[in-house]
């Protein structure tokens, strides 16, 4: 189970990005990250702080909790 929140967050961000028709590079620019860093987040390889999750949620107009939970 280790790292499951990271993987869930990454899957949710990728789903959100793709639903908006954005490239990884465009989405990274919107969030203020480098494309390769965002790629690591989407793959669940990066461990973000809760503050970062809140910031991302604000920037994409979402709820931080929804980024950390599997869609129903």
Protein backbone atom coordinates (compact mmCIF):
# COMPACT_ATOMS: atom_id res chain seq x y z
CA UNK A 1 0.00 0.00 0.00
CA UNK A 2 2.98 2.32 0.27
CA UNK A 3 2.71 5.23 -2.12
CA UNK A 4 -0.94 4.59 -3.04
CA UNK A 5 -1.95 8.23 -2.43
CA UNK A 6 0.86 9.37 -4.73
CA UNK A 7 -0.35 7.02 -7.46
CA UNK A 8 -3.99 8.03 -6.99
CA UNK A 9 -3.06 11.72 -7.16
CA UNK A 10 -1.06 11.09 -10.32
CA UNK A 11 -3.88 9.18 -12.02
CA UNK A 12 -6.37 11.90 -11.09
CA UNK A 13 -4.14 14.67 -12.42
CA UNK A 14 -3.55 12.79 -15.67
CA UNK A 15 -7.29 12.17 -16.06
CA UNK A 16 -8.00 15.85 -15.37
CA UNK A 17 -5.32 17.00 -17.83
CA UNK A 18 -6.54 14.68 -20.56
CA UNK A 19 -10.18 15.67 -20.01
CA UNK A 20 -9.15 19.28 -20.63
CA UNK A 21 -7.29 18.27 -23.80
CA UNK A 22 -4.02 19.63 -22.44
CA UNK A 23 -0.54 18.35 -23.14
CA UNK A 24 1.66 17.50 -20.20
CA UNK A 25 3.79 20.53 -21.02
CA UNK A 26 0.81 22.93 -21.10
CA UNK A 27 -0.57 21.49 -17.87
CA UNK A 28 2.83 21.76 -16.19
CA UNK A 29 3.05 25.42 -17.27
CA UNK A 30 -0.41 26.08 -15.82
CA UNK A 31 0.69 24.56 -12.49
CA UNK A 32 4.12 26.21 -12.50
CA UNK A 33 6.06 22.93 -12.75
CA UNK A 34 8.53 21.56 -15.27
CA UNK A 35 7.09 18.94 -17.62
CA UNK A 36 9.41 16.19 -16.40
CA UNK A 37 8.49 16.91 -12.77
CA UNK A 38 4.77 16.72 -13.61
CA UNK A 39 5.45 13.44 -15.41
CA UNK A 40 6.93 12.08 -12.18
CA UNK A 41 3.87 13.26 -10.26
CA UNK A 42 1.53 11.61 -12.78
CA UNK A 43 3.47 8.34 -12.46
CA UNK A 44 3.26 8.48 -8.66
CA UNK A 45 7.03 8.87 -8.29
CA UNK A 46 6.95 12.27 -6.57
CA UNK A 47 5.89 12.82 -3.00
CA UNK A 48 4.06 16.15 -2.85
CA UNK A 49 3.35 18.09 0.31
CA UNK A 50 -0.24 18.69 1.35
CA UNK A 51 0.37 22.37 0.64
CA UNK A 52 1.27 21.46 -2.96
CA UNK A 53 -1.88 19.34 -3.31
CA UNK A 54 -3.97 22.27 -2.04
CA UNK A 55 -2.25 24.64 -4.47
CA UNK A 56 -2.80 22.32 -7.44
CA UNK A 57 -6.46 21.88 -6.50
CA UNK A 58 -6.89 25.66 -6.34
CA UNK A 59 -5.24 26.12 -9.74
CA UNK A 60 -7.41 23.50 -11.44
CA UNK A 61 -10.58 24.59 -9.64
CA UNK A 62 -10.99 21.37 -7.70
CA UNK A 63 -11.11 19.99 -4.21
CA UNK A 64 -7.87 18.65 -2.69
CA UNK A 65 -9.66 15.59 -1.33
CA UNK A 66 -10.94 14.68 -4.80
CA UNK A 67 -7.35 14.62 -6.06
CA UNK A 68 -6.44 12.07 -3.38
CA UNK A 69 -9.38 9.69 -3.81
CA UNK A 70 -10.38 7.30 -6.56
CA UNK A 71 -13.35 8.50 -8.63
CA UNK A 72 -16.62 6.72 -7.94
